[in-house]
Amino acid sequence: MPSEDPREEEYQKLRASLLSVAVPAGLHTILITSSRHGEGATTVSLGLVTALAKERESRVLLVEGNYRRPSFSTLLPLTSNVGVADFAAGRAAPEAVVTRLEELNFSVIPAGSVPEQGTNVETVDVLLGCLQSQFDFILIDATPVNDYADASMLATKVDGVILVIEADQTPVSEAEAAKRQLDKVGARVLGVVLNRRRSYIPAFLESIL
């Protein structure tokens, strides 16, 4: 039965678009990023992971890769903030940084106690390698491409990237710069999500495969 919430319906469409590409191509790790702060990459990450988790048999993991402005601790009902940085520092094993949210039917790895200089991307790659077999999909909410090098480096470690831009707000030059940077590092850009500021309804604009 269709949802009465138009936002939920749009995320279900985004889910369907992603699955139509990801399943045949065997894509399991997806990075979600933007060109700059405030475009809604975290909102889209949460909306998409929730849509994927609607299928009760799905095993979905959401990773907080935005170490510059972590927000999962305030947006999700987490009982622990142990996360990526704690694994990187040798304070926690891979399984210990995963929090299962039973009521939402997905798992989360928060940023954790991140040092000022951020977290080594190679460490994130190792962590994902340890956990990948346990999940059908791993989504990573990343920092903006144009602001930090983190997203570009992480983009080389995943199967695909979704770029989020904000309707009527993101300058075309910034969106193009973000796409060029992702292309430069050899990232596989799956498509673009247009995030409308007033309604927060995303539209999967194009497949770039």
C-alpha atoms as a PDB file:
ATOM      1  CA  MET A   1       0.000   0.000   0.000  1.00  0.00           C
ATOM      2  CA  PRO A   2       1.510   3.383  -1.004  1.00  0.00           C
ATOM      3  CA  SER A   3       2.618   5.716   1.784  1.00  0.00           C
ATOM      4  CA  GLU A   4       0.641   8.922   2.390  1.00  0.00           C
ATOM      5  CA  ASP A   5       3.870  10.779   3.184  1.00  0.00           C
ATOM      6  CA  PRO A   6       5.201  12.260  -0.087  1.00  0.00           C
ATOM      7  CA  ARG A   7       8.731  12.390   1.344  1.00  0.00           C
ATOM      8  CA  GLU A   8       8.673   8.688   2.117  1.00  0.00           C
ATOM      9  CA  GLU A   9       7.373   7.972  -1.372  1.00  0.00           C
ATOM     10  CA  GLU A  10      10.238   9.926  -2.922  1.00  0.00           C
ATOM     11  CA  TYR A  11      12.782   7.986  -0.876  1.00  0.00           C
ATOM     12  CA  GLN A  12      11.150   4.745  -1.974  1.00  0.00           C
ATOM     13  CA  LYS A  13      11.600   5.906  -5.576  1.00  0.00           C
ATOM     14  CA  LEU A  14      15.237   6.699  -4.817  1.00  0.00           C
ATOM     15  CA  ARG A  15      15.580   3.218  -3.302  1.00  0.00           C
ATOM     16  CA  ALA A  16      14.081   1.635  -6.413  1.00  0.00           C
ATOM     17  CA  SER A  17      16.412   3.619  -8.672  1.00  0.00           C
ATOM     18  CA  LEU A  18      19.416   2.595  -6.612  1.00  0.00           C
ATOM     19  CA  LEU A  19      18.449  -1.078  -6.503  1.00  0.00           C
ATOM     20  CA  SER A  20      17.873  -1.160 -10.250  1.00  0.00           C
ATOM     21  CA  VAL A  21      21.528  -0.215 -10.668  1.00  0.00           C
ATOM     22  CA  ALA A  22      23.208  -1.657  -7.577  1.00  0.00           C
ATOM     23  CA  VAL A  23      21.805  -5.186  -7.546  1.00  0.00           C
ATOM     24  CA  PRO A  24      22.642  -6.129 -11.163  1.00  0.00           C
ATOM     25  CA  ALA A  25      26.080  -4.512 -10.863  1.00  0.00           C
ATOM     26  CA  GLY A  26      26.846  -6.020  -7.462  1.00  0.00           C
ATOM     27  CA  LEU A  27      27.290  -2.653  -5.743  1.00  0.00           C
ATOM     28  CA  HIS A  28      27.244  -2.873  -1.947  1.00  0.00           C
ATOM     29  CA  THR A  29      29.054   0.182  -0.551  1.00  0.00           C
ATOM     30  CA  ILE A  30      27.579   3.572  -1.458  1.00  0.00           C
ATOM     31  CA  LEU A  31      28.986   6.987  -0.533  1.00  0.00           C
ATOM     32  CA  ILE A  32      26.559   9.915  -0.209  1.00  0.00           C
ATOM     33  CA  THR A  33      28.156  13.330  -0.463  1.00  0.00           C
ATOM     34  CA  SER A  34      27.487  16.912  -1.570  1.00  0.00           C
ATOM     35  CA  SER A  35      29.408  19.782  -3.066  1.00  0.00           C
ATOM     36  CA  ARG A  36      29.253  21.905   0.104  1.00  0.00           C
ATOM     37  CA  HIS A  37      27.779  21.949   3.614  1.00  0.00           C
ATOM     38  CA  GLY A  38      24.025  22.337   4.095  1.00  0.00           C
ATOM     39  CA  GLU A  39      22.811  20.611   0.942  1.00  0.00           C
ATOM     40  CA  GLY A  40      21.178  17.735   2.795  1.00  0.00           C
ATOM     41  CA  ALA A  41      23.519  14.765   2.324  1.00  0.00           C
ATOM     42  CA  THR A  42      22.800  13.553   5.858  1.00  0.00           C
ATOM     43  CA  THR A  43      19.043  13.970   5.345  1.00  0.00           C
ATOM     44  CA  VAL A  44      19.234  11.950   2.127  1.00  0.00           C
ATOM     45  CA  SER A  45      21.415   9.311   3.820  1.00  0.00           C
ATOM     46  CA  LEU A  46      18.877   8.845   6.599  1.00  0.00           C
ATOM     47  CA  GLY A  47      15.956   8.823   4.182  1.00  0.00           C
ATOM     48  CA  LEU A  48      17.576   6.272   1.896  1.00  0.00           C
ATOM     49  CA  VAL A  49      18.721   3.938   4.674  1.00  0.00           C
ATOM     50  CA  THR A  50      15.200   4.035   6.140  1.00  0.00           C
ATOM     51  CA  ALA A  51      13.723   3.182   2.739  1.00  0.00           C
ATOM     52  CA  LEU A  52      16.149   0.299   2.256  1.00  0.00           C
ATOM     53  CA  ALA A  53      15.342  -0.985   5.746  1.00  0.00           C
ATOM     54  CA  LYS A  54      11.612  -1.182   4.934  1.00  0.00           C
ATOM     55  CA  GLU A  55      12.396  -4.607   3.496  1.00  0.00           C
ATOM     56  CA  ARG A  56      12.591  -6.565   6.742  1.00  0.00           C
ATOM     57  CA  GLU A  57      15.131  -9.042   5.399  1.00  0.00           C
ATOM     58  CA  SER A  58      17.559  -6.298   4.368  1.00  0.00           C
ATOM     59  CA  ARG A  59      20.827  -5.970   6.242  1.00  0.00           C
ATOM     60  CA  VAL A  60      21.730  -2.287   6.012  1.00  0.00           C
ATOM     61  CA  LEU A  61      24.515  -0.321   7.708  1.00  0.00           C
ATOM     62  CA  LEU A  62      24.815   3.472   7.862  1.00  0.00           C
ATOM     63  CA  VAL A  63      28.293   4.859   8.572  1.00  0.00           C
ATOM     64  CA  GLU A  64      28.934   8.419   9.728  1.00  0.00           C
ATOM     65  CA  GLY A  65      31.778   9.505   7.486  1.00  0.00           C
ATOM     66  CA  ASN A  66      31.272  13.225   8.125  1.00  0.00           C
ATOM     67  CA  TYR A  67      33.890  13.626  10.841  1.00  0.00           C
ATOM     68  CA  ARG A  68      33.915  17.406  10.471  1.00  0.00           C
ATOM     69  CA  ARG A  69      30.293  17.910  11.558  1.00  0.00           C
ATOM     70  CA  PRO A  70      29.038  14.674  13.121  1.00  0.00           C
ATOM     71  CA  SER A  71      25.308  14.688  13.899  1.00  0.00           C
ATOM     72  CA  PHE A  72      24.130  11.082  14.234  1.00  0.00           C
ATOM     73  CA  SER A  73      24.171  11.281  18.047  1.00  0.00           C
ATOM     74  CA  THR A  74      21.416  13.915  17.913  1.00  0.00           C
ATOM     75  CA  LEU A  75      19.462  12.511  14.948  1.00  0.00           C
ATOM     76  CA  LEU A  76      19.308   8.827  15.890  1.00  0.00           C
ATOM     77  CA  PRO A  77      18.433   6.947  19.104  1.00  0.00           C
ATOM     78  CA  LEU A  78      21.998   5.805  19.751  1.00  0.00           C
ATOM     79  CA  THR A  79      22.896   4.383  23.143  1.00  0.00           C
ATOM     80  CA  SER A  80      26.626   4.560  22.416  1.00  0.00           C
ATOM     81  CA  ASN A  81      28.851   7.012  20.576  1.00  0.00           C
ATOM     82  CA  VAL A  82      31.669   4.512  20.110  1.00  0.00           C
ATOM     83  CA  GLY A  83      32.443   4.600  16.418  1.00  0.00           C
ATOM     84  CA  VAL A  84      34.893   4.858  13.543  1.00  0.00           C
ATOM     85  CA  ALA A  85      37.485   6.930  15.416  1.00  0.00           C
ATOM     86  CA  ASP A  86      37.516   4.482  18.320  1.00  0.00           C
ATOM     87  CA  PHE A  87      38.259   1.611  15.947  1.00  0.00           C
ATOM     88  CA  ALA A  88      40.971   3.720  14.311  1.00  0.00           C
ATOM     89  CA  ALA A  89      42.572   4.381  17.697  1.00  0.00           C
ATOM     90  CA  GLY A  90      42.535   0.683  18.597  1.00  0.00           C
ATOM     91  CA  ARG A  91      39.995   1.222  21.382  1.00  0.00           C
ATOM     92  CA  ALA A  92      37.253  -0.943  19.857  1.00  0.00           C
ATOM     93  CA  ALA A  93      36.866  -3.993  17.631  1.00  0.00           C
ATOM     94  CA  PRO A  94      34.849  -3.747  14.375  1.00  0.00           C
ATOM     95  CA  GLU A  95      31.766  -5.406  15.892  1.00  0.00           C
ATOM     96  CA  ALA A  96      31.915  -3.124  18.946  1.00  0.00           C
ATOM     97  CA  VAL A  97      31.404   0.071  16.933  1.00  0.00           C
ATOM     98  CA  VAL A  98      28.184  -1.168  15.284  1.00  0.00           C
ATOM     99  CA  THR A  99      24.924  -0.174  16.970  1.00  0.00           C
ATOM    100  CA  ARG A 100      21.826  -2.105  15.910  1.00  0.00           C
ATOM    101  CA  LEU A 101      18.634  -0.008  15.878  1.00  0.00           C
ATOM    102  CA  GLU A 102      16.020  -2.753  16.050  1.00  0.00           C
ATOM    103  CA  GLU A 103      13.050  -0.400  15.806  1.00  0.00           C
ATOM    104  CA  LEU A 104      14.438   1.076  12.571  1.00  0.00           C
ATOM    105  CA  ASN A 105      15.762  -2.223  11.182  1.00  0.00           C
ATOM    106  CA  PHE A 106      19.237  -0.942  10.343  1.00  0.00           C
ATOM    107  CA  SER A 107      22.649  -0.638  11.985  1.00  0.00           C
ATOM    108  CA  VAL A 108      24.779   2.446  12.524  1.00  0.00           C
ATOM    109  CA  ILE A 109      28.425   3.289  13.079  1.00  0.00           C
ATOM    110  CA  PRO A 110      28.756   6.846  14.433  1.00  0.00           C
ATOM    111  CA  ALA A 111      31.861   8.947  13.972  1.00  0.00           C
ATOM    112  CA  GLY A 112      32.944   8.330  17.556  1.00  0.00           C
ATOM    113  CA  SER A 113      35.454  10.426  19.451  1.00  0.00           C
ATOM    114  CA  VAL A 114      37.054  12.040  16.419  1.00  0.00           C
ATOM    115  CA  PRO A 115      40.364  13.900  16.889  1.00  0.00           C
ATOM    116  CA  GLU A 116      40.724  17.375  15.404  1.00  0.00           C
ATOM    117  CA  GLN A 117      42.712  16.105  12.440  1.00  0.00           C
ATOM    118  CA  GLY A 118      39.947  13.677  11.461  1.00  0.00           C
ATOM    119  CA  THR A 119      40.188   9.928  10.861  1.00  0.00           C
ATOM    120  CA  ASN A 120      42.492   8.098   8.460  1.00  0.00           C
ATOM    121  CA  VAL A 121      40.560   6.982   5.378  1.00  0.00           C
ATOM    122  CA  GLU A 122      42.597   3.786   5.128  1.00  0.00           C
ATOM    123  CA  THR A 123      41.289   2.865   8.568  1.00  0.00           C
ATOM    124  CA  VAL A 124      37.728   3.307   7.346  1.00  0.00           C
ATOM    125  CA  ASP A 125      38.526   1.019   4.411  1.00  0.00           C
ATOM    126  CA  VAL A 126      39.824  -1.657   6.788  1.00  0.00           C
ATOM    127  CA  LEU A 127      36.723  -1.332   8.957  1.00  0.00           C
ATOM    128  CA  LEU A 128      34.392  -1.686   5.977  1.00  0.00           C
ATOM    129  CA  GLY A 129      36.361  -4.701   4.808  1.00  0.00           C
ATOM    130  CA  CYS A 130      35.800  -6.378   8.173  1.00  0.00           C
ATOM    131  CA  LEU A 131      32.047  -5.777   8.101  1.00  0.00           C
ATOM    132  CA  GLN A 132      31.069  -5.912   4.434  1.00  0.00           C
ATOM    133  CA  SER A 133      30.086  -9.571   4.396  1.00  0.00           C
ATOM    134  CA  GLN A 134      27.606  -8.959   7.231  1.00  0.00           C
ATOM    135  CA  PHE A 135      25.495  -6.426   5.295  1.00  0.00           C
ATOM    136  CA  ASP A 136      23.688  -6.181   1.963  1.00  0.00           C
ATOM    137  CA  PHE A 137      24.315  -2.443   1.747  1.00  0.00           C
ATOM    138  CA  ILE A 138      26.644  -0.042   3.515  1.00  0.00           C
ATOM    139  CA  LEU A 139      25.835   3.661   3.114  1.00  0.00           C
ATOM    140  CA  ILE A 140      28.406   6.270   4.120  1.00  0.00           C
ATOM    141  CA  ASP A 141      27.322   9.835   4.910  1.00  0.00           C
ATOM    142  CA  ALA A 142      30.419  11.808   3.869  1.00  0.00           C
ATOM    143  CA  THR A 143      31.824  15.323   4.054  1.00  0.00           C
ATOM    144  CA  PRO A 144      31.315  17.745   1.115  1.00  0.00           C
ATOM    145  CA  VAL A 145      33.571  17.118  -1.879  1.00  0.00           C
ATOM    146  CA  ASN A 146      34.525  20.761  -2.442  1.00  0.00           C
ATOM    147  CA  ASP A 147      35.333  21.488   1.206  1.00  0.00           C
ATOM    148  CA  TYR A 148      37.473  18.540   2.284  1.00  0.00           C
ATOM    149  CA  ALA A 149      39.586  15.769   0.779  1.00  0.00           C
ATOM    150  CA  ASP A 150      37.840  13.096   2.888  1.00  0.00           C
ATOM    151  CA  ALA A 151      34.991  12.442   0.449  1.00  0.00           C
ATOM    152  CA  SER A 152      37.263  12.141  -2.575  1.00  0.00           C
ATOM    153  CA  MET A 153      39.485   9.654  -0.776  1.00  0.00           C
ATOM    154  CA  LEU A 154      36.539   7.632   0.516  1.00  0.00           C
ATOM    155  CA  ALA A 155      34.996   7.671  -2.957  1.00  0.00           C
ATOM    156  CA  THR A 156      37.871   5.515  -4.182  1.00  0.00           C
ATOM    157  CA  LYS A 157      37.083   2.880  -1.534  1.00  0.00           C
ATOM    158  CA  VAL A 158      33.393   2.314  -2.333  1.00  0.00           C
ATOM    159  CA  ASP A 159      31.386   0.779  -5.169  1.00  0.00           C
ATOM    160  CA  GLY A 160      29.430   3.914  -6.041  1.00  0.00           C
ATOM    161  CA  VAL A 161      28.719   7.546  -5.142  1.00  0.00           C
ATOM    162  CA  ILE A 162      25.510   9.588  -4.955  1.00  0.00           C
ATOM    163  CA  LEU A 163      25.965  13.362  -5.174  1.00  0.00           C
ATOM    164  CA  VAL A 164      23.431  15.603  -3.402  1.00  0.00           C
ATOM    165  CA  ILE A 165      22.804  19.172  -4.557  1.00  0.00           C
ATOM    166  CA  GLU A 166      20.303  21.714  -3.254  1.00  0.00           C
ATOM    167  CA  ALA A 167      17.602  23.056  -5.581  1.00  0.00           C
ATOM    168  CA  ASP A 168      17.884  26.769  -6.381  1.00  0.00           C
ATOM    169  CA  GLN A 169      20.770  27.129  -3.924  1.00  0.00           C
ATOM    170  CA  THR A 170      23.800  25.232  -5.176  1.00  0.00           C
ATOM    171  CA  PRO A 171      25.683  27.222  -7.831  1.00  0.00           C
ATOM    172  CA  VAL A 172      26.106  25.242 -11.029  1.00  0.00           C
ATOM    173  CA  SER A 173      29.845  25.893 -10.847  1.00  0.00           C
ATOM    174  CA  GLU A 174      30.062  24.165  -7.440  1.00  0.00           C
ATOM    175  CA  ALA A 175      28.036  21.170  -8.569  1.00  0.00           C
ATOM    176  CA  GLU A 176      30.214  20.829 -11.662  1.00  0.00           C
ATOM    177  CA  ALA A 177      33.384  21.178  -9.583  1.00  0.00           C
ATOM    178  CA  ALA A 178      32.232  18.386  -7.278  1.00  0.00           C
ATOM    179  CA  LYS A 179      31.467  16.100 -10.216  1.00  0.00           C
ATOM    180  CA  ARG A 180      34.849  16.866 -11.818  1.00  0.00           C
ATOM    181  CA  GLN A 181      36.654  16.059  -8.582  1.00  0.00           C
ATOM    182  CA  LEU A 182      34.839  12.730  -8.251  1.00  0.00           C
ATOM    183  CA  ASP A 183      35.654  11.913 -11.878  1.00  0.00           C
ATOM    184  CA  LYS A 184      39.283  12.889 -11.285  1.00  0.00           C
ATOM    185  CA  VAL A 185      39.724  10.264  -8.557  1.00  0.00           C
ATOM    186  CA  GLY A 186      37.913   7.635 -10.616  1.00  0.00           C
ATOM    187  CA  ALA A 187      34.765   7.480  -8.498  1.00  0.00           C
ATOM    188  CA  ARG A 188      31.740   5.706  -9.942  1.00  0.00           C
ATOM    189  CA  VAL A 189      29.024   8.353  -9.727  1.00  0.00           C
ATOM    190  CA  LEU A 190      25.661   6.561  -9.773  1.00  0.00           C
ATOM    191  CA  GLY A 191      23.546   9.687  -9.999  1.00  0.00           C
ATOM    192  CA  VAL A 192      22.537  13.025  -8.527  1.00  0.00           C
ATOM    193  CA  VAL A 193      19.863  13.753  -5.936  1.00  0.00           C
ATOM    194  CA  LEU A 194      18.213  17.162  -6.104  1.00  0.00           C
ATOM    195  CA  ASN A 195      17.277  18.083  -2.559  1.00  0.00           C
ATOM    196  CA  ARG A 196      14.503  20.685  -2.371  1.00  0.00           C
ATOM    197  CA  ARG A 197      14.979  22.929   0.615  1.00  0.00           C
ATOM    198  CA  ARG A 198      11.302  23.686   1.239  1.00  0.00           C
ATOM    199  CA  SER A 199       9.887  20.180   0.994  1.00  0.00           C
ATOM    200  CA  TYR A 200      13.028  18.071   1.505  1.00  0.00           C
ATOM    201  CA  ILE A 201      11.809  15.846  -1.327  1.00  0.00           C
ATOM    202  CA  PRO A 202      14.720  14.438  -3.331  1.00  0.00           C
ATOM    203  CA  ALA A 203      14.519  13.565  -6.990  1.00  0.00           C
ATOM    204  CA  PHE A 204      16.887  11.070  -8.555  1.00  0.00           C
ATOM    205  CA  LEU A 205      17.850  13.165 -11.535  1.00  0.00           C
ATOM    206  CA  GLU A 206      19.979  11.005 -13.729  1.00  0.00           C
ATOM    207  CA  SER A 207      21.915   7.825 -14.081  1.00  0.00           C
ATOM    208  CA  ILE A 208      25.500   8.517 -15.071  1.00  0.00           C
ATOM    209  CA  LEU A 209      26.543   4.901 -15.491  1.00  0.00           C
END
